[in-house]
Amino acid sequence: MSVTGLCFVAVTALVKYYGQRIPASEAAFLRYALGLVFLLPMLPAMSRAWRDGNLSAPVLGLFGLRGMVHTLGVILWFFAMTKIPIAEVTAMNYMSPVYISIGAALFLGERLALRRITAIVVALIGGLIILRPGLREVSVGHIAMIGTALFFAASYLVAKPLSGKVSPTVVVGMLSLTVTIGLLPFAAAVWVTPTLQELFGLLLVAAFATAGHYSMTLAFRAAPMAVTQPVTFLQLIWSALVGLVLFAEPIDIWVVIGGALIMASVSFIAWREMVLNKRRARADT
């Protein structure tokens, strides 16, 4: 999870650097298009799922829906990274698991106990501390990050039923494919011919993003989310330092406090989920 945090901070820094000239939708498209090379090892699993009939019309519809909402989230995320400090992007992105918990209760019928509701309220307070509406200007970048977290939460909620129908490899591969297709018209509408340096930088974005997701998968395999989740708070610290050193962004202590509240809430939610899963497993046996 420490390596995951470093990889995602590198992604944010590179997008912020190259996004000053390349429009957000085009930068996002090039990141995914260049990242398709990392799909090559997944092609056998995707081909096998097609041959076995696992990619039925309803499943493909879910993949299309997930690709659509994830595409919108990615565009907003790339846009926000060029408008607000890296630390604020990172801290506000922590809200996705909170929105997932709310969405799971509203759309998947999961029960929200009082403890989890309390954790969600604390996380929302953390978000308000970061934004501080009325005490400072809430910019279009902040609004974009709220949309990013909501769209990513919707994407993960759609992924939940898909995970029971096809392998994780197919889920990841189809997401990359559908998002690349979804980003194409948005990128074409604002296309700016990138330089070789910019193409190389966006290839690095794809490489760091892929490495981050891979190391995160290894972390989840090695330990429960309740153990790995708190480590992601280091990502906020590194984001603040990178923003200060590379982009002269002053460290906002309120962003750190708000991010800490959100991360504490998310970690509690992960811990409670682990406890409940163990109880269900014991009850089944």
C-alpha atoms as a PDB file:
ATOM      1  CA  MET A   1       0.000   0.000   0.000  1.00  0.00           C
ATOM      2  CA  SER A   2       2.969   2.334   0.534  1.00  0.00           C
ATOM      3  CA  VAL A   3       4.121   1.641  -3.034  1.00  0.00           C
ATOM      4  CA  THR A   4       0.535   2.115  -4.231  1.00  0.00           C
ATOM      5  CA  GLY A   5       0.414   5.558  -2.636  1.00  0.00           C
ATOM      6  CA  LEU A   6       3.710   6.587  -4.258  1.00  0.00           C
ATOM      7  CA  CYS A   7       2.504   5.410  -7.673  1.00  0.00           C
ATOM      8  CA  PHE A   8      -0.774   7.338  -7.417  1.00  0.00           C
ATOM      9  CA  VAL A   9       1.025  10.491  -6.247  1.00  0.00           C
ATOM     10  CA  ALA A  10       3.304  10.160  -9.280  1.00  0.00           C
ATOM     11  CA  VAL A  11       0.208   9.886 -11.492  1.00  0.00           C
ATOM     12  CA  THR A  12      -1.263  13.063 -10.009  1.00  0.00           C
ATOM     13  CA  ALA A  13       1.992  15.019 -10.306  1.00  0.00           C
ATOM     14  CA  LEU A  14       2.551  13.996 -13.934  1.00  0.00           C
ATOM     15  CA  VAL A  15      -1.026  14.835 -14.933  1.00  0.00           C
ATOM     16  CA  LYS A  16      -0.760  18.219 -13.222  1.00  0.00           C
ATOM     17  CA  TYR A  17       2.525  18.944 -15.022  1.00  0.00           C
ATOM     18  CA  TYR A  18       1.405  17.919 -18.508  1.00  0.00           C
ATOM     19  CA  GLY A  19      -2.201  19.038 -18.085  1.00  0.00           C
ATOM     20  CA  GLN A  20      -1.353  22.711 -18.347  1.00  0.00           C
ATOM     21  CA  ARG A  21      -1.402  22.446 -22.170  1.00  0.00           C
ATOM     22  CA  ILE A  22      -3.200  19.174 -22.936  1.00  0.00           C
ATOM     23  CA  PRO A  23      -6.994  19.323 -22.259  1.00  0.00           C
ATOM     24  CA  ALA A  24      -8.208  17.059 -19.443  1.00  0.00           C
ATOM     25  CA  SER A  25     -10.297  14.755 -21.650  1.00  0.00           C
ATOM     26  CA  GLU A  26      -7.427  14.309 -24.132  1.00  0.00           C
ATOM     27  CA  ALA A  27      -4.878  13.640 -21.380  1.00  0.00           C
ATOM     28  CA  ALA A  28      -7.238  11.057 -19.879  1.00  0.00           C
ATOM     29  CA  PHE A  29      -7.769   9.410 -23.291  1.00  0.00           C
ATOM     30  CA  LEU A  30      -4.030   9.224 -24.022  1.00  0.00           C
ATOM     31  CA  ARG A  31      -3.400   7.757 -20.557  1.00  0.00           C
ATOM     32  CA  TYR A  32      -5.893   4.949 -21.205  1.00  0.00           C
ATOM     33  CA  ALA A  33      -5.029   4.475 -24.879  1.00  0.00           C
ATOM     34  CA  LEU A  34      -1.309   4.181 -24.125  1.00  0.00           C
ATOM     35  CA  GLY A  35      -2.176   1.921 -21.197  1.00  0.00           C
ATOM     36  CA  LEU A  36      -3.883  -0.592 -23.487  1.00  0.00           C
ATOM     37  CA  VAL A  37      -0.470  -2.201 -23.963  1.00  0.00           C
ATOM     38  CA  PHE A  38      -0.801  -3.411 -20.365  1.00  0.00           C
ATOM     39  CA  LEU A  39      -3.980  -5.257 -21.396  1.00  0.00           C
ATOM     40  CA  LEU A  40      -2.065  -7.749 -23.541  1.00  0.00           C
ATOM     41  CA  PRO A  41      -1.585 -10.274 -20.679  1.00  0.00           C
ATOM     42  CA  MET A  42      -5.349 -10.056 -19.993  1.00  0.00           C
ATOM     43  CA  LEU A  43      -6.460 -10.914 -23.533  1.00  0.00           C
ATOM     44  CA  PRO A  44      -6.509 -14.738 -23.019  1.00  0.00           C
ATOM     45  CA  ALA A  45      -8.832 -14.402 -19.991  1.00  0.00           C
ATOM     46  CA  MET A  46     -11.109 -11.970 -21.845  1.00  0.00           C
ATOM     47  CA  SER A  47     -11.201 -14.248 -24.916  1.00  0.00           C
ATOM     48  CA  ARG A  48     -12.000 -17.263 -22.720  1.00  0.00           C
ATOM     49  CA  ALA A  49     -14.863 -15.374 -21.037  1.00  0.00           C
ATOM     50  CA  TRP A  50     -16.302 -14.587 -24.465  1.00  0.00           C
ATOM     51  CA  ARG A  51     -16.026 -18.204 -25.657  1.00  0.00           C
ATOM     52  CA  ASP A  52     -17.608 -19.522 -22.450  1.00  0.00           C
ATOM     53  CA  GLY A  53     -20.618 -17.248 -22.898  1.00  0.00           C
ATOM     54  CA  ASN A  54     -19.935 -15.277 -19.711  1.00  0.00           C
ATOM     55  CA  LEU A  55     -20.142 -11.982 -21.608  1.00  0.00           C
ATOM     56  CA  SER A  56     -23.896 -12.079 -22.153  1.00  0.00           C
ATOM     57  CA  ALA A  57     -25.919  -9.041 -23.229  1.00  0.00           C
ATOM     58  CA  PRO A  58     -26.834  -8.042 -19.616  1.00  0.00           C
ATOM     59  CA  VAL A  59     -23.186  -8.384 -18.519  1.00  0.00           C
ATOM     60  CA  LEU A  60     -21.991  -6.325 -21.485  1.00  0.00           C
ATOM     61  CA  GLY A  61     -24.652  -3.750 -20.580  1.00  0.00           C
ATOM     62  CA  LEU A  62     -23.236  -3.496 -17.065  1.00  0.00           C
ATOM     63  CA  PHE A  63     -19.736  -3.124 -18.492  1.00  0.00           C
ATOM     64  CA  GLY A  64     -21.018  -0.347 -20.762  1.00  0.00           C
ATOM     65  CA  LEU A  65     -22.718   1.413 -17.835  1.00  0.00           C
ATOM     66  CA  ARG A  66     -19.594   1.160 -15.712  1.00  0.00           C
ATOM     67  CA  GLY A  67     -17.426   2.425 -18.551  1.00  0.00           C
ATOM     68  CA  MET A  68     -19.720   5.442 -19.005  1.00  0.00           C
ATOM     69  CA  VAL A  69     -19.732   6.578 -15.351  1.00  0.00           C
ATOM     70  CA  HIS A  70     -16.024   5.838 -14.945  1.00  0.00           C
ATOM     71  CA  THR A  71     -15.275   7.873 -18.085  1.00  0.00           C
ATOM     72  CA  LEU A  72     -17.015  10.914 -16.605  1.00  0.00           C
ATOM     73  CA  GLY A  73     -15.172  10.431 -13.316  1.00  0.00           C
ATOM     74  CA  VAL A  74     -11.797  10.210 -15.062  1.00  0.00           C
ATOM     75  CA  ILE A  75     -12.414  13.415 -17.070  1.00  0.00           C
ATOM     76  CA  LEU A  76     -13.390  15.321 -13.931  1.00  0.00           C
ATOM     77  CA  TRP A  77     -10.394  13.885 -12.048  1.00  0.00           C
ATOM     78  CA  PHE A  78      -7.908  14.948 -14.736  1.00  0.00           C
ATOM     79  CA  PHE A  79      -9.550  18.382 -14.849  1.00  0.00           C
ATOM     80  CA  ALA A  80      -9.418  18.829 -11.059  1.00  0.00           C
ATOM     81  CA  MET A  81      -5.731  17.926 -10.935  1.00  0.00           C
ATOM     82  CA  THR A  82      -4.930  20.984 -13.062  1.00  0.00           C
ATOM     83  CA  LYS A  83      -7.075  23.344 -10.977  1.00  0.00           C
ATOM     84  CA  ILE A  84      -6.489  22.612  -7.276  1.00  0.00           C
ATOM     85  CA  PRO A  85      -3.495  21.508  -5.144  1.00  0.00           C
ATOM     86  CA  ILE A  86      -2.435  17.851  -5.314  1.00  0.00           C
ATOM     87  CA  ALA A  87      -3.104  17.338  -1.591  1.00  0.00           C
ATOM     88  CA  GLU A  88      -6.716  18.494  -1.991  1.00  0.00           C
ATOM     89  CA  VAL A  89      -7.236  16.155  -4.957  1.00  0.00           C
ATOM     90  CA  THR A  90      -5.918  13.260  -2.873  1.00  0.00           C
ATOM     91  CA  ALA A  91      -7.901  14.102   0.270  1.00  0.00           C
ATOM     92  CA  MET A  92     -11.199  14.585  -1.574  1.00  0.00           C
ATOM     93  CA  ASN A  93     -10.697  11.342  -3.505  1.00  0.00           C
ATOM     94  CA  TYR A  94     -10.785   9.528  -0.134  1.00  0.00           C
ATOM     95  CA  MET A  95     -14.542  10.178  -0.122  1.00  0.00           C
ATOM     96  CA  SER A  96     -15.249   7.487  -2.753  1.00  0.00           C
ATOM     97  CA  PRO A  97     -15.513   4.603  -0.219  1.00  0.00           C
ATOM     98  CA  VAL A  98     -17.930   6.708   1.832  1.00  0.00           C
ATOM     99  CA  TYR A  99     -20.160   7.282  -1.189  1.00  0.00           C
ATOM    100  CA  ILE A 100     -19.888   3.562  -1.974  1.00  0.00           C
ATOM    101  CA  SER A 101     -21.256   2.738   1.499  1.00  0.00           C
ATOM    102  CA  ILE A 102     -24.176   5.126   0.982  1.00  0.00           C
ATOM    103  CA  GLY A 103     -24.845   3.772  -2.519  1.00  0.00           C
ATOM    104  CA  ALA A 104     -24.699   0.171  -1.342  1.00  0.00           C
ATOM    105  CA  ALA A 105     -27.411   0.946   1.197  1.00  0.00           C
ATOM    106  CA  LEU A 106     -29.580   2.798  -1.327  1.00  0.00           C
ATOM    107  CA  PHE A 107     -29.219   0.521  -4.357  1.00  0.00           C
ATOM    108  CA  LEU A 108     -27.874  -2.858  -3.178  1.00  0.00           C
ATOM    109  CA  GLY A 109     -29.970  -3.248  -0.036  1.00  0.00           C
ATOM    110  CA  GLU A 110     -27.022  -3.322   2.383  1.00  0.00           C
ATOM    111  CA  ARG A 111     -27.901  -2.314   5.938  1.00  0.00           C
ATOM    112  CA  LEU A 112     -26.274   0.750   7.490  1.00  0.00           C
ATOM    113  CA  ALA A 113     -25.752   0.243  11.218  1.00  0.00           C
ATOM    114  CA  LEU A 114     -25.464   3.206  13.580  1.00  0.00           C
ATOM    115  CA  ARG A 115     -21.663   2.865  13.791  1.00  0.00           C
ATOM    116  CA  ARG A 116     -21.267   3.032  10.023  1.00  0.00           C
ATOM    117  CA  ILE A 117     -23.679   5.985   9.790  1.00  0.00           C
ATOM    118  CA  THR A 118     -21.574   7.777  12.418  1.00  0.00           C
ATOM    119  CA  ALA A 119     -18.397   7.066  10.429  1.00  0.00           C
ATOM    120  CA  ILE A 120     -20.037   8.440   7.264  1.00  0.00           C
ATOM    121  CA  VAL A 121     -21.086  11.626   9.095  1.00  0.00           C
ATOM    122  CA  VAL A 122     -17.519  12.088  10.394  1.00  0.00           C
ATOM    123  CA  ALA A 123     -16.167  11.632   6.857  1.00  0.00           C
ATOM    124  CA  LEU A 124     -18.620  14.222   5.508  1.00  0.00           C
ATOM    125  CA  ILE A 125     -17.452  16.627   8.224  1.00  0.00           C
ATOM    126  CA  GLY A 126     -13.894  15.954   7.045  1.00  0.00           C
ATOM    127  CA  GLY A 127     -14.956  16.876   3.517  1.00  0.00           C
ATOM    128  CA  LEU A 128     -16.489  20.131   4.773  1.00  0.00           C
ATOM    129  CA  ILE A 129     -13.272  20.959   6.625  1.00  0.00           C
ATOM    130  CA  ILE A 130     -11.344  20.576   3.362  1.00  0.00           C
ATOM    131  CA  LEU A 131     -13.792  22.691   1.362  1.00  0.00           C
ATOM    132  CA  ARG A 132     -14.637  25.211   4.118  1.00  0.00           C
ATOM    133  CA  PRO A 133     -17.564  26.724   2.178  1.00  0.00           C
ATOM    134  CA  GLY A 134     -18.214  30.314   3.222  1.00  0.00           C
ATOM    135  CA  LEU A 135     -14.682  30.692   4.584  1.00  0.00           C
ATOM    136  CA  ARG A 136     -12.961  30.435   1.216  1.00  0.00           C
ATOM    137  CA  GLU A 137     -13.873  30.110  -2.437  1.00  0.00           C
ATOM    138  CA  VAL A 138     -15.044  26.644  -3.497  1.00  0.00           C
ATOM    139  CA  SER A 139     -13.527  26.459  -6.979  1.00  0.00           C
ATOM    140  CA  VAL A 140     -14.623  24.534 -10.042  1.00  0.00           C
ATOM    141  CA  GLY A 141     -11.774  22.105  -9.275  1.00  0.00           C
ATOM    142  CA  HIS A 142     -13.337  21.232  -5.906  1.00  0.00           C
ATOM    143  CA  ILE A 143     -16.728  20.683  -7.535  1.00  0.00           C
ATOM    144  CA  ALA A 144     -15.039  18.475 -10.146  1.00  0.00           C
ATOM    145  CA  MET A 145     -13.490  16.346  -7.375  1.00  0.00           C
ATOM    146  CA  ILE A 146     -16.870  15.887  -5.690  1.00  0.00           C
ATOM    147  CA  GLY A 147     -18.184  14.643  -9.035  1.00  0.00           C
ATOM    148  CA  THR A 148     -15.114  12.432  -9.467  1.00  0.00           C
ATOM    149  CA  ALA A 149     -15.652  10.672  -6.144  1.00  0.00           C
ATOM    150  CA  LEU A 150     -19.374  10.196  -6.876  1.00  0.00           C
ATOM    151  CA  PHE A 151     -18.785   8.768 -10.374  1.00  0.00           C
ATOM    152  CA  PHE A 152     -15.995   6.468  -9.147  1.00  0.00           C
ATOM    153  CA  ALA A 153     -18.274   5.245  -6.349  1.00  0.00           C
ATOM    154  CA  ALA A 154     -20.968   4.483  -8.938  1.00  0.00           C
ATOM    155  CA  SER A 155     -18.375   2.619 -11.007  1.00  0.00           C
ATOM    156  CA  TYR A 156     -17.382   0.407  -8.088  1.00  0.00           C
ATOM    157  CA  LEU A 157     -21.024  -0.269  -7.203  1.00  0.00           C
ATOM    158  CA  VAL A 158     -21.617  -1.530 -10.756  1.00  0.00           C
ATOM    159  CA  ALA A 159     -18.436  -3.617 -10.482  1.00  0.00           C
ATOM    160  CA  LYS A 160     -19.788  -5.509  -7.468  1.00  0.00           C
ATOM    161  CA  PRO A 161     -22.361  -7.628  -9.372  1.00  0.00           C
ATOM    162  CA  LEU A 162     -19.861  -8.041 -12.242  1.00  0.00           C
ATOM    163  CA  SER A 163     -17.280  -9.573  -9.892  1.00  0.00           C
ATOM    164  CA  GLY A 164     -19.604 -12.531  -9.341  1.00  0.00           C
ATOM    165  CA  LYS A 165     -20.090 -13.152 -13.062  1.00  0.00           C
ATOM    166  CA  VAL A 166     -16.563 -12.901 -14.539  1.00  0.00           C
ATOM    167  CA  SER A 167     -12.970 -13.023 -13.283  1.00  0.00           C
ATOM    168  CA  PRO A 168     -11.255  -9.934 -11.810  1.00  0.00           C
ATOM    169  CA  THR A 169      -8.929  -9.890 -14.830  1.00  0.00           C
ATOM    170  CA  VAL A 170     -11.893  -9.503 -17.181  1.00  0.00           C
ATOM    171  CA  VAL A 171     -13.416  -6.788 -14.974  1.00  0.00           C
ATOM    172  CA  VAL A 172     -10.174  -4.765 -15.059  1.00  0.00           C
ATOM    173  CA  GLY A 173      -9.600  -5.371 -18.767  1.00  0.00           C
ATOM    174  CA  MET A 174     -13.119  -4.409 -19.805  1.00  0.00           C
ATOM    175  CA  LEU A 175     -12.956  -1.250 -17.702  1.00  0.00           C
ATOM    176  CA  SER A 176      -9.795  -0.101 -19.494  1.00  0.00           C
ATOM    177  CA  LEU A 177     -11.305  -0.920 -22.874  1.00  0.00           C
ATOM    178  CA  THR A 178     -14.685   0.772 -22.310  1.00  0.00           C
ATOM    179  CA  VAL A 179     -13.159   3.879 -20.729  1.00  0.00           C
ATOM    180  CA  THR A 180     -10.746   4.275 -23.665  1.00  0.00           C
ATOM    181  CA  ILE A 181     -13.677   4.091 -26.094  1.00  0.00           C
ATOM    182  CA  GLY A 182     -15.767   6.425 -23.922  1.00  0.00           C
ATOM    183  CA  LEU A 183     -13.016   9.053 -23.748  1.00  0.00           C
ATOM    184  CA  LEU A 184     -12.369   9.093 -27.508  1.00  0.00           C
ATOM    185  CA  PRO A 185     -15.168  11.520 -28.571  1.00  0.00           C
ATOM    186  CA  PHE A 186     -14.411  13.884 -25.671  1.00  0.00           C
ATOM    187  CA  ALA A 187     -10.718  13.934 -26.609  1.00  0.00           C
ATOM    188  CA  ALA A 188     -11.425  14.405 -30.321  1.00  0.00           C
ATOM    189  CA  ALA A 189     -13.572  17.465 -29.587  1.00  0.00           C
ATOM    190  CA  VAL A 190     -10.676  19.367 -27.949  1.00  0.00           C
ATOM    191  CA  TRP A 191      -7.657  17.660 -29.552  1.00  0.00           C
ATOM    192  CA  VAL A 192      -4.251  19.315 -29.196  1.00  0.00           C
ATOM    193  CA  THR A 193      -1.388  17.488 -30.907  1.00  0.00           C
ATOM    194  CA  PRO A 194       0.927  16.315 -28.105  1.00  0.00           C
ATOM    195  CA  THR A 195       4.702  16.480 -28.306  1.00  0.00           C
ATOM    196  CA  LEU A 196       6.851  13.376 -27.941  1.00  0.00           C
ATOM    197  CA  GLN A 197       7.743  14.494 -24.412  1.00  0.00           C
ATOM    198  CA  GLU A 198       4.070  14.787 -23.497  1.00  0.00           C
ATOM    199  CA  LEU A 199       3.337  11.358 -24.972  1.00  0.00           C
ATOM    200  CA  PHE A 200       6.178   9.873 -22.935  1.00  0.00           C
ATOM    201  CA  GLY A 201       4.889  11.592 -19.799  1.00  0.00           C
ATOM    202  CA  LEU A 202       1.384  10.230 -20.306  1.00  0.00           C
ATOM    203  CA  LEU A 203       2.842   6.770 -20.947  1.00  0.00           C
ATOM    204  CA  LEU A 204       4.507   7.110 -17.546  1.00  0.00           C
ATOM    205  CA  VAL A 205       1.090   8.034 -16.102  1.00  0.00           C
ATOM    206  CA  ALA A 206      -0.333   4.792 -17.531  1.00  0.00           C
ATOM    207  CA  ALA A 207       2.618   2.781 -16.186  1.00  0.00           C
ATOM    208  CA  PHE A 208       2.388   4.258 -12.666  1.00  0.00           C
ATOM    209  CA  ALA A 209      -1.406   3.832 -12.598  1.00  0.00           C
ATOM    210  CA  THR A 210      -1.134   0.184 -13.655  1.00  0.00           C
ATOM    211  CA  ALA A 211       1.645  -0.464 -11.141  1.00  0.00           C
ATOM    212  CA  GLY A 212      -0.416   1.207  -8.420  1.00  0.00           C
ATOM    213  CA  HIS A 213      -3.470  -0.964  -9.078  1.00  0.00           C
ATOM    214  CA  TYR A 214      -1.273  -4.083  -9.202  1.00  0.00           C
ATOM    215  CA  SER A 215       0.496  -3.318  -5.916  1.00  0.00           C
ATOM    216  CA  MET A 216      -2.876  -2.513  -4.328  1.00  0.00           C
ATOM    217  CA  THR A 217      -4.154  -5.933  -5.400  1.00  0.00           C
ATOM    218  CA  LEU A 218      -1.084  -7.544  -3.825  1.00  0.00           C
ATOM    219  CA  ALA A 219      -1.706  -5.605  -0.613  1.00  0.00           C
ATOM    220  CA  PHE A 220      -5.344  -6.703  -0.420  1.00  0.00           C
ATOM    221  CA  ARG A 221      -4.227 -10.292  -0.979  1.00  0.00           C
ATOM    222  CA  ALA A 222      -1.621 -10.056   1.790  1.00  0.00           C
ATOM    223  CA  ALA A 223      -3.727  -8.398   4.502  1.00  0.00           C
ATOM    224  CA  PRO A 224      -7.315  -7.338   5.299  1.00  0.00           C
ATOM    225  CA  MET A 225      -8.481  -3.911   4.127  1.00  0.00           C
ATOM    226  CA  ALA A 226      -8.715  -2.836   7.761  1.00  0.00           C
ATOM    227  CA  VAL A 227      -4.930  -3.214   7.907  1.00  0.00           C
ATOM    228  CA  THR A 228      -4.051  -1.753   4.500  1.00  0.00           C
ATOM    229  CA  GLN A 229      -6.518   1.157   4.423  1.00  0.00           C
ATOM    230  CA  PRO A 230      -4.845   3.393   7.059  1.00  0.00           C
ATOM    231  CA  VAL A 231      -1.551   3.197   5.150  1.00  0.00           C
ATOM    232  CA  THR A 232      -3.151   5.130   2.288  1.00  0.00           C
ATOM    233  CA  PHE A 233      -3.057   8.224   4.522  1.00  0.00           C
ATOM    234  CA  LEU A 234       0.637   8.403   3.634  1.00  0.00           C
ATOM    235  CA  GLN A 235      -0.508   9.269   0.122  1.00  0.00           C
ATOM    236  CA  LEU A 236      -1.892  12.572   1.445  1.00  0.00           C
ATOM    237  CA  ILE A 237       1.407  13.382   3.167  1.00  0.00           C
ATOM    238  CA  TRP A 238       3.391  12.617   0.007  1.00  0.00           C
ATOM    239  CA  SER A 239       0.931  14.624  -2.097  1.00  0.00           C
ATOM    240  CA  ALA A 240       1.367  17.648   0.157  1.00  0.00           C
ATOM    241  CA  LEU A 241       5.164  17.361  -0.033  1.00  0.00           C
ATOM    242  CA  VAL A 242       5.185  16.896  -3.823  1.00  0.00           C
ATOM    243  CA  GLY A 243       2.853  19.877  -4.216  1.00  0.00           C
ATOM    244  CA  LEU A 244       5.118  22.010  -2.022  1.00  0.00           C
ATOM    245  CA  VAL A 245       8.419  21.010  -3.651  1.00  0.00           C
ATOM    246  CA  LEU A 246       7.432  20.729  -7.329  1.00  0.00           C
ATOM    247  CA  PHE A 247       4.509  23.150  -7.663  1.00  0.00           C
ATOM    248  CA  ALA A 248       5.065  25.605  -4.771  1.00  0.00           C
ATOM    249  CA  GLU A 249       1.678  24.697  -3.262  1.00  0.00           C
ATOM    250  CA  PRO A 250       1.582  25.666   0.434  1.00  0.00           C
ATOM    251  CA  ILE A 251       0.600  22.911   2.858  1.00  0.00           C
ATOM    252  CA  ASP A 252      -2.929  23.549   4.143  1.00  0.00           C
ATOM    253  CA  ILE A 253      -3.239  22.095   7.632  1.00  0.00           C
ATOM    254  CA  TRP A 254      -7.051  22.017   7.299  1.00  0.00           C
ATOM    255  CA  VAL A 255      -6.752  19.748   4.273  1.00  0.00           C
ATOM    256  CA  VAL A 256      -4.558  17.386   6.284  1.00  0.00           C
ATOM    257  CA  ILE A 257      -7.025  17.415   9.227  1.00  0.00           C
ATOM    258  CA  GLY A 258     -10.017  16.870   6.952  1.00  0.00           C
ATOM    259  CA  GLY A 259      -8.200  14.092   5.076  1.00  0.00           C
ATOM    260  CA  ALA A 260      -7.283  12.439   8.378  1.00  0.00           C
ATOM    261  CA  LEU A 261     -10.936  12.457   9.479  1.00  0.00           C
ATOM    262  CA  ILE A 262     -12.049  10.944   6.171  1.00  0.00           C
ATOM    263  CA  MET A 263      -9.326   8.289   6.273  1.00  0.00           C
ATOM    264  CA  ALA A 264     -10.138   7.395   9.890  1.00  0.00           C
ATOM    265  CA  SER A 265     -13.791   6.957   8.909  1.00  0.00           C
ATOM    266  CA  VAL A 266     -12.954   4.870   5.838  1.00  0.00           C
ATOM    267  CA  SER A 267     -10.603   2.696   7.912  1.00  0.00           C
ATOM    268  CA  PHE A 268     -13.350   2.152  10.500  1.00  0.00           C
ATOM    269  CA  ILE A 269     -15.824   1.180   7.773  1.00  0.00           C
ATOM    270  CA  ALA A 270     -13.268  -1.304   6.366  1.00  0.00           C
ATOM    271  CA  TRP A 271     -12.634  -2.737   9.835  1.00  0.00           C
ATOM    272  CA  ARG A 272     -16.354  -3.150  10.529  1.00  0.00           C
ATOM    273  CA  GLU A 273     -16.829  -4.865   7.174  1.00  0.00           C
ATOM    274  CA  MET A 274     -14.030  -7.304   8.057  1.00  0.00           C
ATOM    275  CA  VAL A 275     -15.605  -8.052  11.454  1.00  0.00           C
ATOM    276  CA  LEU A 276     -19.048  -8.612   9.909  1.00  0.00           C
ATOM    277  CA  ASN A 277     -17.619 -10.878   7.199  1.00  0.00           C
ATOM    278  CA  LYS A 278     -15.934 -13.027   9.866  1.00  0.00           C
ATOM    279  CA  ARG A 279     -19.197 -13.282  11.777  1.00  0.00           C
ATOM    280  CA  ARG A 280     -21.049 -14.333   8.620  1.00  0.00           C
ATOM    281  CA  ALA A 281     -18.380 -16.937   7.879  1.00  0.00           C
ATOM    282  CA  ARG A 282     -18.681 -18.389  11.399  1.00  0.00           C
ATOM    283  CA  ALA A 283     -22.472 -18.429  11.105  1.00  0.00           C
ATOM    284  CA  ASP A 284     -22.272 -20.310   7.786  1.00  0.00           C
ATOM    285  CA  THR A 285     -20.040 -22.967   9.330  1.00  0.00           C
END
